[in-house]
């Protein structure tokens, strides 16, 4: 398992709305190119939109408190 890769995917899901929509519609396609185990892919696929929204708000608050808030983050990762 690669916790770093999972964290990268989750950060992208939180910061990239288009990627998040693709993930919820077709996880296998969205996750292609990431080095994830079948178990990690299944766990990501089972994320709820509500949980994602809460995580996004927490991340934005954390960024604001650190002075690194970017309302238009760039995307990273495989395309």
PDB file of N, CA and C in Angstrom:
ATOM      1  N   UNK A   1       0.837  -1.192   0.000  1.00  0.00           N
ATOM      2  CA  UNK A   1       0.000   0.000   0.000  1.00  0.00           C
ATOM      3  C   UNK A   1       0.871   1.240   0.000  1.00  0.00           C
ATOM      4  N   UNK A   2       0.419   2.231  -0.708  1.00  0.00           N
ATOM      5  CA  UNK A   2       1.150   3.474  -0.774  1.00  0.00           C
ATOM      6  C   UNK A   2       0.305   4.597  -0.186  1.00  0.00           C
ATOM      7  N   UNK A   3       0.528   4.874   1.061  1.00  0.00           N
ATOM      8  CA  UNK A   3      -0.230   5.934   1.724  1.00  0.00           C
ATOM      9  C   UNK A   3      -0.006   7.267   1.036  1.00  0.00           C
ATOM     10  N   UNK A   4       1.199   7.491   0.534  1.00  0.00           N
ATOM     11  CA  UNK A   4       1.508   8.753  -0.144  1.00  0.00           C
ATOM     12  C   UNK A   4       0.660   8.917  -1.410  1.00  0.00           C
ATOM     13  N   UNK A   5       0.498   7.849  -2.168  1.00  0.00           N
ATOM     14  CA  UNK A   5      -0.311   7.918  -3.388  1.00  0.00           C
ATOM     15  C   UNK A   5      -1.772   8.149  -3.052  1.00  0.00           C
ATOM     16  N   UNK A   6      -2.268   7.473  -2.039  1.00  0.00           N
ATOM     17  CA  UNK A   6      -3.658   7.683  -1.614  1.00  0.00           C
ATOM     18  C   UNK A   6      -3.850   9.132  -1.183  1.00  0.00           C
ATOM     19  N   UNK A   7      -2.917   9.677  -0.428  1.00  0.00           N
ATOM     20  CA  UNK A   7      -3.017  11.069  -0.001  1.00  0.00           C
ATOM     21  C   UNK A   7      -2.999  12.013  -1.197  1.00  0.00           C
ATOM     22  N   UNK A   8      -2.184  11.704  -2.197  1.00  0.00           N
ATOM     23  CA  UNK A   8      -2.132  12.521  -3.409  1.00  0.00           C
ATOM     24  C   UNK A   8      -3.485  12.523  -4.108  1.00  0.00           C
ATOM     25  N   UNK A   9      -4.088  11.339  -4.227  1.00  0.00           N
ATOM     26  CA  UNK A   9      -5.395  11.231  -4.868  1.00  0.00           C
ATOM     27  C   UNK A   9      -6.436  12.010  -4.073  1.00  0.00           C
ATOM     28  N   UNK A  10      -6.449  11.838  -2.766  1.00  0.00           N
ATOM     29  CA  UNK A  10      -7.442  12.529  -1.935  1.00  0.00           C
ATOM     30  C   UNK A  10      -7.271  14.041  -1.999  1.00  0.00           C
ATOM     31  N   UNK A  11      -6.035  14.510  -1.998  1.00  0.00           N
ATOM     32  CA  UNK A  11      -5.796  15.953  -2.115  1.00  0.00           C
ATOM     33  C   UNK A  11      -6.320  16.466  -3.448  1.00  0.00           C
ATOM     34  N   UNK A  12      -6.124  15.691  -4.499  1.00  0.00           N
ATOM     35  CA  UNK A  12      -6.622  16.104  -5.814  1.00  0.00           C
ATOM     36  C   UNK A  12      -8.142  16.091  -5.847  1.00  0.00           C
ATOM     37  N   UNK A  13      -8.752  15.095  -5.241  1.00  0.00           N
ATOM     38  CA  UNK A  13     -10.211  15.027  -5.188  1.00  0.00           C
ATOM     39  C   UNK A  13     -10.767  16.268  -4.487  1.00  0.00           C
ATOM     40  N   UNK A  14     -10.108  16.672  -3.440  1.00  0.00           N
ATOM     41  CA  UNK A  14     -10.563  17.820  -2.661  1.00  0.00           C
ATOM     42  C   UNK A  14     -10.356  19.129  -3.411  1.00  0.00           C
ATOM     43  N   UNK A  15      -9.257  19.231  -4.164  1.00  0.00           N
ATOM     44  CA  UNK A  15      -8.919  20.504  -4.797  1.00  0.00           C
ATOM     45  C   UNK A  15      -9.357  20.622  -6.255  1.00  0.00           C
ATOM     46  N   UNK A  16      -9.747  19.527  -6.894  1.00  0.00           N
ATOM     47  CA  UNK A  16     -10.065  19.531  -8.325  1.00  0.00           C
ATOM     48  C   UNK A  16     -11.474  18.976  -8.532  1.00  0.00           C
ATOM     49  N   UNK A  17     -12.437  19.873  -8.702  1.00  0.00           N
ATOM     50  CA  UNK A  17     -13.842  19.487  -8.828  1.00  0.00           C
ATOM     51  C   UNK A  17     -14.078  18.565 -10.018  1.00  0.00           C
ATOM     52  N   UNK A  18     -13.442  18.849 -11.146  1.00  0.00           N
ATOM     53  CA  UNK A  18     -13.619  18.005 -12.334  1.00  0.00           C
ATOM     54  C   UNK A  18     -13.118  16.583 -12.078  1.00  0.00           C
ATOM     55  N   UNK A  19     -11.965  16.481 -11.423  1.00  0.00           N
ATOM     56  CA  UNK A  19     -11.425  15.164 -11.089  1.00  0.00           C
ATOM     57  C   UNK A  19     -12.371  14.431 -10.149  1.00  0.00           C
ATOM     58  N   UNK A  20     -12.896  15.136  -9.170  1.00  0.00           N
ATOM     59  CA  UNK A  20     -13.824  14.516  -8.209  1.00  0.00           C
ATOM     60  C   UNK A  20     -15.056  13.982  -8.924  1.00  0.00           C
ATOM     61  N   UNK A  21     -15.609  14.754  -9.853  1.00  0.00           N
ATOM     62  CA  UNK A  21     -16.783  14.297 -10.602  1.00  0.00           C
ATOM     63  C   UNK A  21     -16.451  13.052 -11.418  1.00  0.00           C
ATOM     64  N   UNK A  22     -15.284  13.056 -12.067  1.00  0.00           N
ATOM     65  CA  UNK A  22     -14.865  11.891 -12.840  1.00  0.00           C
ATOM     66  C   UNK A  22     -14.709  10.686 -11.922  1.00  0.00           C
ATOM     67  N   UNK A  23     -14.148  10.903 -10.757  1.00  0.00           N
ATOM     68  CA  UNK A  23     -13.955   9.812  -9.805  1.00  0.00           C
ATOM     69  C   UNK A  23     -15.286   9.185  -9.404  1.00  0.00           C
ATOM     70  N   UNK A  24     -16.281  10.021  -9.127  1.00  0.00           N
ATOM     71  CA  UNK A  24     -17.570   9.487  -8.699  1.00  0.00           C
ATOM     72  C   UNK A  24     -18.321   8.820  -9.845  1.00  0.00           C
ATOM     73  N   UNK A  25     -18.052   9.236 -11.081  1.00  0.00           N
ATOM     74  CA  UNK A  25     -18.726   8.640 -12.239  1.00  0.00           C
ATOM     75  C   UNK A  25     -18.016   7.392 -12.748  1.00  0.00           C
ATOM     76  N   UNK A  26     -16.681   7.404 -12.733  1.00  0.00           N
ATOM     77  CA  UNK A  26     -15.906   6.297 -13.285  1.00  0.00           C
ATOM     78  C   UNK A  26     -14.556   6.242 -12.572  1.00  0.00           C
ATOM     79  N   UNK A  27     -14.541   5.631 -11.406  1.00  0.00           N
ATOM     80  CA  UNK A  27     -13.343   5.607 -10.565  1.00  0.00           C
ATOM     81  C   UNK A  27     -12.150   4.967 -11.259  1.00  0.00           C
ATOM     82  N   UNK A  28     -12.389   3.876 -11.972  1.00  0.00           N
ATOM     83  CA  UNK A  28     -11.270   3.186 -12.626  1.00  0.00           C
ATOM     84  C   UNK A  28     -10.578   4.109 -13.615  1.00  0.00           C
ATOM     85  N   UNK A  29     -11.355   4.862 -14.376  1.00  0.00           N
ATOM     86  CA  UNK A  29     -10.796   5.800 -15.344  1.00  0.00           C
ATOM     87  C   UNK A  29     -10.052   6.936 -14.632  1.00  0.00           C
ATOM     88  N   UNK A  30     -10.657   7.487 -13.599  1.00  0.00           N
ATOM     89  CA  UNK A  30     -10.043   8.603 -12.874  1.00  0.00           C
ATOM     90  C   UNK A  30      -8.743   8.188 -12.198  1.00  0.00           C
ATOM     91  N   UNK A  31      -8.677   6.951 -11.746  1.00  0.00           N
ATOM     92  CA  UNK A  31      -7.514   6.495 -10.988  1.00  0.00           C
ATOM     93  C   UNK A  31      -6.442   5.844 -11.858  1.00  0.00           C
ATOM     94  N   UNK A  32      -6.702   5.729 -13.153  1.00  0.00           N
ATOM     95  CA  UNK A  32      -5.707   5.154 -14.064  1.00  0.00           C
ATOM     96  C   UNK A  32      -4.439   5.998 -13.992  1.00  0.00           C
ATOM     97  N   UNK A  33      -3.322   5.347 -13.897  1.00  0.00           N
ATOM     98  CA  UNK A  33      -2.052   6.064 -13.823  1.00  0.00           C
ATOM     99  C   UNK A  33      -1.531   6.230 -12.405  1.00  0.00           C
ATOM    100  N   UNK A  34      -2.396   6.033 -11.427  1.00  0.00           N
ATOM    101  CA  UNK A  34      -1.958   6.068 -10.034  1.00  0.00           C
ATOM    102  C   UNK A  34      -1.578   4.648  -9.614  1.00  0.00           C
ATOM    103  N   UNK A  35      -0.514   4.514  -8.866  1.00  0.00           N
ATOM    104  CA  UNK A  35      -0.043   3.208  -8.407  1.00  0.00           C
ATOM    105  C   UNK A  35      -0.787   2.839  -7.123  1.00  0.00           C
ATOM    106  N   UNK A  36      -1.995   2.275  -7.299  1.00  0.00           N
ATOM    107  CA  UNK A  36      -2.850   1.910  -6.171  1.00  0.00           C
ATOM    108  C   UNK A  36      -3.160   0.420  -6.206  1.00  0.00           C
ATOM    109  N   UNK A  37      -3.298  -0.163  -5.023  1.00  0.00           N
ATOM    110  CA  UNK A  37      -3.695  -1.563  -4.935  1.00  0.00           C
ATOM    111  C   UNK A  37      -5.202  -1.661  -5.186  1.00  0.00           C
ATOM    112  N   UNK A  38      -5.703  -2.845  -5.516  1.00  0.00           N
ATOM    113  CA  UNK A  38      -7.157  -3.019  -5.664  1.00  0.00           C
ATOM    114  C   UNK A  38      -7.927  -2.600  -4.405  1.00  0.00           C
ATOM    115  N   UNK A  39      -7.358  -2.875  -3.241  1.00  0.00           N
ATOM    116  CA  UNK A  39      -8.004  -2.488  -1.975  1.00  0.00           C
ATOM    117  C   UNK A  39      -8.086  -0.964  -1.842  1.00  0.00           C
ATOM    118  N   UNK A  40      -7.003  -0.267  -2.191  1.00  0.00           N
ATOM    119  CA  UNK A  40      -7.006   1.200  -2.125  1.00  0.00           C
ATOM    120  C   UNK A  40      -8.037   1.776  -3.090  1.00  0.00           C
ATOM    121  N   UNK A  41      -8.106   1.223  -4.291  1.00  0.00           N
ATOM    122  CA  UNK A  41      -9.083   1.695  -5.277  1.00  0.00           C
ATOM    123  C   UNK A  41     -10.497   1.493  -4.740  1.00  0.00           C
ATOM    124  N   UNK A  42     -10.755   0.348  -4.161  1.00  0.00           N
ATOM    125  CA  UNK A  42     -12.083   0.069  -3.604  1.00  0.00           C
ATOM    126  C   UNK A  42     -12.420   1.045  -2.472  1.00  0.00           C
ATOM    127  N   UNK A  43     -11.463   1.317  -1.606  1.00  0.00           N
ATOM    128  CA  UNK A  43     -11.692   2.263  -0.509  1.00  0.00           C
ATOM    129  C   UNK A  43     -11.991   3.658  -1.035  1.00  0.00           C
ATOM    130  N   UNK A  44     -11.274   4.084  -2.055  1.00  0.00           N
ATOM    131  CA  UNK A  44     -11.511   5.403  -2.641  1.00  0.00           C
ATOM    132  C   UNK A  44     -12.890   5.434  -3.301  1.00  0.00           C
ATOM    133  N   UNK A  45     -13.245   4.364  -4.005  1.00  0.00           N
ATOM    134  CA  UNK A  45     -14.546   4.293  -4.660  1.00  0.00           C
ATOM    135  C   UNK A  45     -15.685   4.381  -3.651  1.00  0.00           C
ATOM    136  N   UNK A  46     -15.453   3.929  -2.435  1.00  0.00           N
ATOM    137  CA  UNK A  46     -16.495   3.916  -1.413  1.00  0.00           C
ATOM    138  C   UNK A  46     -16.623   5.230  -0.643  1.00  0.00           C
ATOM    139  N   UNK A  47     -15.835   6.220  -0.998  1.00  0.00           N
ATOM    140  CA  UNK A  47     -15.951   7.528  -0.343  1.00  0.00           C
ATOM    141  C   UNK A  47     -17.325   8.127  -0.641  1.00  0.00           C
ATOM    142  N   UNK A  48     -17.861   8.825   0.312  1.00  0.00           N
ATOM    143  CA  UNK A  48     -19.141   9.496   0.090  1.00  0.00           C
ATOM    144  C   UNK A  48     -18.894  10.951  -0.290  1.00  0.00           C
ATOM    145  N   UNK A  49     -19.820  11.508  -1.031  1.00  0.00           N
ATOM    146  CA  UNK A  49     -19.717  12.934  -1.392  1.00  0.00           C
ATOM    147  C   UNK A  49     -19.781  13.804  -0.133  1.00  0.00           C
ATOM    148  N   UNK A  50     -20.584  13.393   0.844  1.00  0.00           N
ATOM    149  CA  UNK A  50     -20.707  14.175   2.077  1.00  0.00           C
ATOM    150  C   UNK A  50     -19.380  14.209   2.825  1.00  0.00           C
ATOM    151  N   UNK A  51     -18.738  13.054   2.928  1.00  0.00           N
ATOM    152  CA  UNK A  51     -17.437  12.989   3.593  1.00  0.00           C
ATOM    153  C   UNK A  51     -16.396  13.811   2.863  1.00  0.00           C
ATOM    154  N   UNK A  52     -16.468  13.791   1.549  1.00  0.00           N
ATOM    155  CA  UNK A  52     -15.541  14.575   0.739  1.00  0.00           C
ATOM    156  C   UNK A  52     -15.748  16.065   0.983  1.00  0.00           C
ATOM    157  N   UNK A  53     -16.996  16.489   1.040  1.00  0.00           N
ATOM    158  CA  UNK A  53     -17.283  17.903   1.285  1.00  0.00           C
ATOM    159  C   UNK A  53     -16.743  18.361   2.627  1.00  0.00           C
ATOM    160  N   UNK A  54     -16.886  17.525   3.633  1.00  0.00           N
ATOM    161  CA  UNK A  54     -16.372  17.855   4.962  1.00  0.00           C
ATOM    162  C   UNK A  54     -14.847  17.944   4.939  1.00  0.00           C
ATOM    163  N   UNK A  55     -14.198  17.012   4.253  1.00  0.00           N
ATOM    164  CA  UNK A  55     -12.742  17.027   4.143  1.00  0.00           C
ATOM    165  C   UNK A  55     -12.262  18.274   3.417  1.00  0.00           C
ATOM    166  N   UNK A  56     -12.999  18.664   2.386  1.00  0.00           N
ATOM    167  CA  UNK A  56     -12.625  19.853   1.618  1.00  0.00           C
ATOM    168  C   UNK A  56     -12.700  21.098   2.507  1.00  0.00           C
ATOM    169  N   UNK A  57     -13.755  21.219   3.290  1.00  0.00           N
ATOM    170  CA  UNK A  57     -13.884  22.378   4.175  1.00  0.00           C
ATOM    171  C   UNK A  57     -12.759  22.407   5.198  1.00  0.00           C
ATOM    172  N   UNK A  58     -12.407  21.258   5.746  1.00  0.00           N
ATOM    173  CA  UNK A  58     -11.315  21.187   6.717  1.00  0.00           C
ATOM    174  C   UNK A  58      -9.998  21.605   6.080  1.00  0.00           C
ATOM    175  N   UNK A  59      -9.736  21.149   4.848  1.00  0.00           N
ATOM    176  CA  UNK A  59      -8.510  21.508   4.157  1.00  0.00           C
ATOM    177  C   UNK A  59      -8.455  23.004   3.879  1.00  0.00           C
ATOM    178  N   UNK A  60      -9.561  23.591   3.435  1.00  0.00           N
ATOM    179  CA  UNK A  60      -9.589  25.025   3.159  1.00  0.00           C
ATOM    180  C   UNK A  60      -9.334  25.832   4.424  1.00  0.00           C
ATOM    181  N   UNK A  61      -9.926  25.416   5.529  1.00  0.00           N
ATOM    182  CA  UNK A  61      -9.703  26.116   6.793  1.00  0.00           C
ATOM    183  C   UNK A  61      -8.238  26.011   7.218  1.00  0.00           C
ATOM    184  N   UNK A  62      -7.652  24.829   7.032  1.00  0.00           N
ATOM    185  CA  UNK A  62      -6.251  24.633   7.376  1.00  0.00           C
ATOM    186  C   UNK A  62      -5.360  25.527   6.513  1.00  0.00           C
ATOM    187  N   UNK A  63      -5.641  25.586   5.230  1.00  0.00           N
ATOM    188  CA  UNK A  63      -4.848  26.425   4.321  1.00  0.00           C
ATOM    189  C   UNK A  63      -4.977  27.898   4.692  1.00  0.00           C
ATOM    190  N   UNK A  64      -6.193  28.326   5.011  1.00  0.00           N
ATOM    191  CA  UNK A  64      -6.406  29.719   5.401  1.00  0.00           C
ATOM    192  C   UNK A  64      -5.583  30.056   6.644  1.00  0.00           C
ATOM    193  N   UNK A  65      -5.592  29.160   7.610  1.00  0.00           N
ATOM    194  CA  UNK A  65      -4.874  29.419   8.862  1.00  0.00           C
ATOM    195  C   UNK A  65      -3.370  29.475   8.650  1.00  0.00           C
ATOM    196  N   UNK A  66      -2.907  28.800   7.586  1.00  0.00           N
ATOM    197  CA  UNK A  66      -1.464  28.803   7.281  1.00  0.00           C
ATOM    198  C   UNK A  66      -1.097  29.912   6.296  1.00  0.00           C
ATOM    199  N   UNK A  67      -2.103  30.634   5.811  1.00  0.00           N
ATOM    200  CA  UNK A  67      -1.843  31.710   4.867  1.00  0.00           C
ATOM    201  C   UNK A  67      -1.528  31.224   3.461  1.00  0.00           C
ATOM    202  N   UNK A  68      -1.960  30.007   3.129  1.00  0.00           N
ATOM    203  CA  UNK A  68      -1.683  29.465   1.798  1.00  0.00           C
ATOM    204  C   UNK A  68      -2.970  29.116   1.061  1.00  0.00           C
ATOM    205  N   UNK A  69      -4.006  29.863   1.317  1.00  0.00           N
ATOM    206  CA  UNK A  69      -5.281  29.604   0.653  1.00  0.00           C
ATOM    207  C   UNK A  69      -5.187  30.020  -0.809  1.00  0.00           C
ATOM    208  N   UNK A  70      -5.566  29.117  -1.705  1.00  0.00           N
ATOM    209  CA  UNK A  70      -5.598  29.399  -3.133  1.00  0.00           C
ATOM    210  C   UNK A  70      -6.972  28.996  -3.637  1.00  0.00           C
ATOM    211  N   UNK A  71      -7.826  29.962  -3.972  1.00  0.00           N
ATOM    212  CA  UNK A  71      -9.175  29.613  -4.404  1.00  0.00           C
ATOM    213  C   UNK A  71      -9.218  28.910  -5.762  1.00  0.00           C
ATOM    214  N   UNK A  72      -8.128  28.956  -6.504  1.00  0.00           N
ATOM    215  CA  UNK A  72      -8.059  28.302  -7.810  1.00  0.00           C
ATOM    216  C   UNK A  72      -6.832  27.411  -7.875  1.00  0.00           C
ATOM    217  N   UNK A  73      -6.836  26.313  -7.134  1.00  0.00           N
ATOM    218  CA  UNK A  73      -5.641  25.452  -7.104  1.00  0.00           C
ATOM    219  C   UNK A  73      -5.392  24.792  -8.453  1.00  0.00           C
ATOM    220  N   UNK A  74      -4.118  24.546  -8.733  1.00  0.00           N
ATOM    221  CA  UNK A  74      -3.769  23.825  -9.948  1.00  0.00           C
ATOM    222  C   UNK A  74      -3.902  22.339  -9.662  1.00  0.00           C
ATOM    223  N   UNK A  75      -4.082  21.571 -10.711  1.00  0.00           N
ATOM    224  CA  UNK A  75      -4.220  20.134 -10.541  1.00  0.00           C
ATOM    225  C   UNK A  75      -2.884  19.456 -10.766  1.00  0.00           C
ATOM    226  N   UNK A  76      -2.726  18.346 -10.118  1.00  0.00           N
ATOM    227  CA  UNK A  76      -1.503  17.561 -10.239  1.00  0.00           C
ATOM    228  C   UNK A  76      -1.881  16.113 -10.414  1.00  0.00           C
ATOM    229  N   UNK A  77      -0.979  15.366 -10.977  1.00  0.00           N
ATOM    230  CA  UNK A  77      -1.214  13.934 -11.128  1.00  0.00           C
ATOM    231  C   UNK A  77      -1.419  13.570 -12.573  1.00  0.00           C
ATOM    232  N   UNK A  78      -1.622  12.310 -12.826  1.00  0.00           N
ATOM    233  CA  UNK A  78      -1.810  11.835 -14.189  1.00  0.00           C
ATOM    234  C   UNK A  78      -3.059  12.421 -14.834  1.00  0.00           C
ATOM    235  N   UNK A  79      -3.009  12.615 -16.122  1.00  0.00           N
ATOM    236  CA  UNK A  79      -4.174  13.139 -16.845  1.00  0.00           C
ATOM    237  C   UNK A  79      -4.611  12.153 -17.866  1.00  0.00           C
TER     238      UNK A  79
END
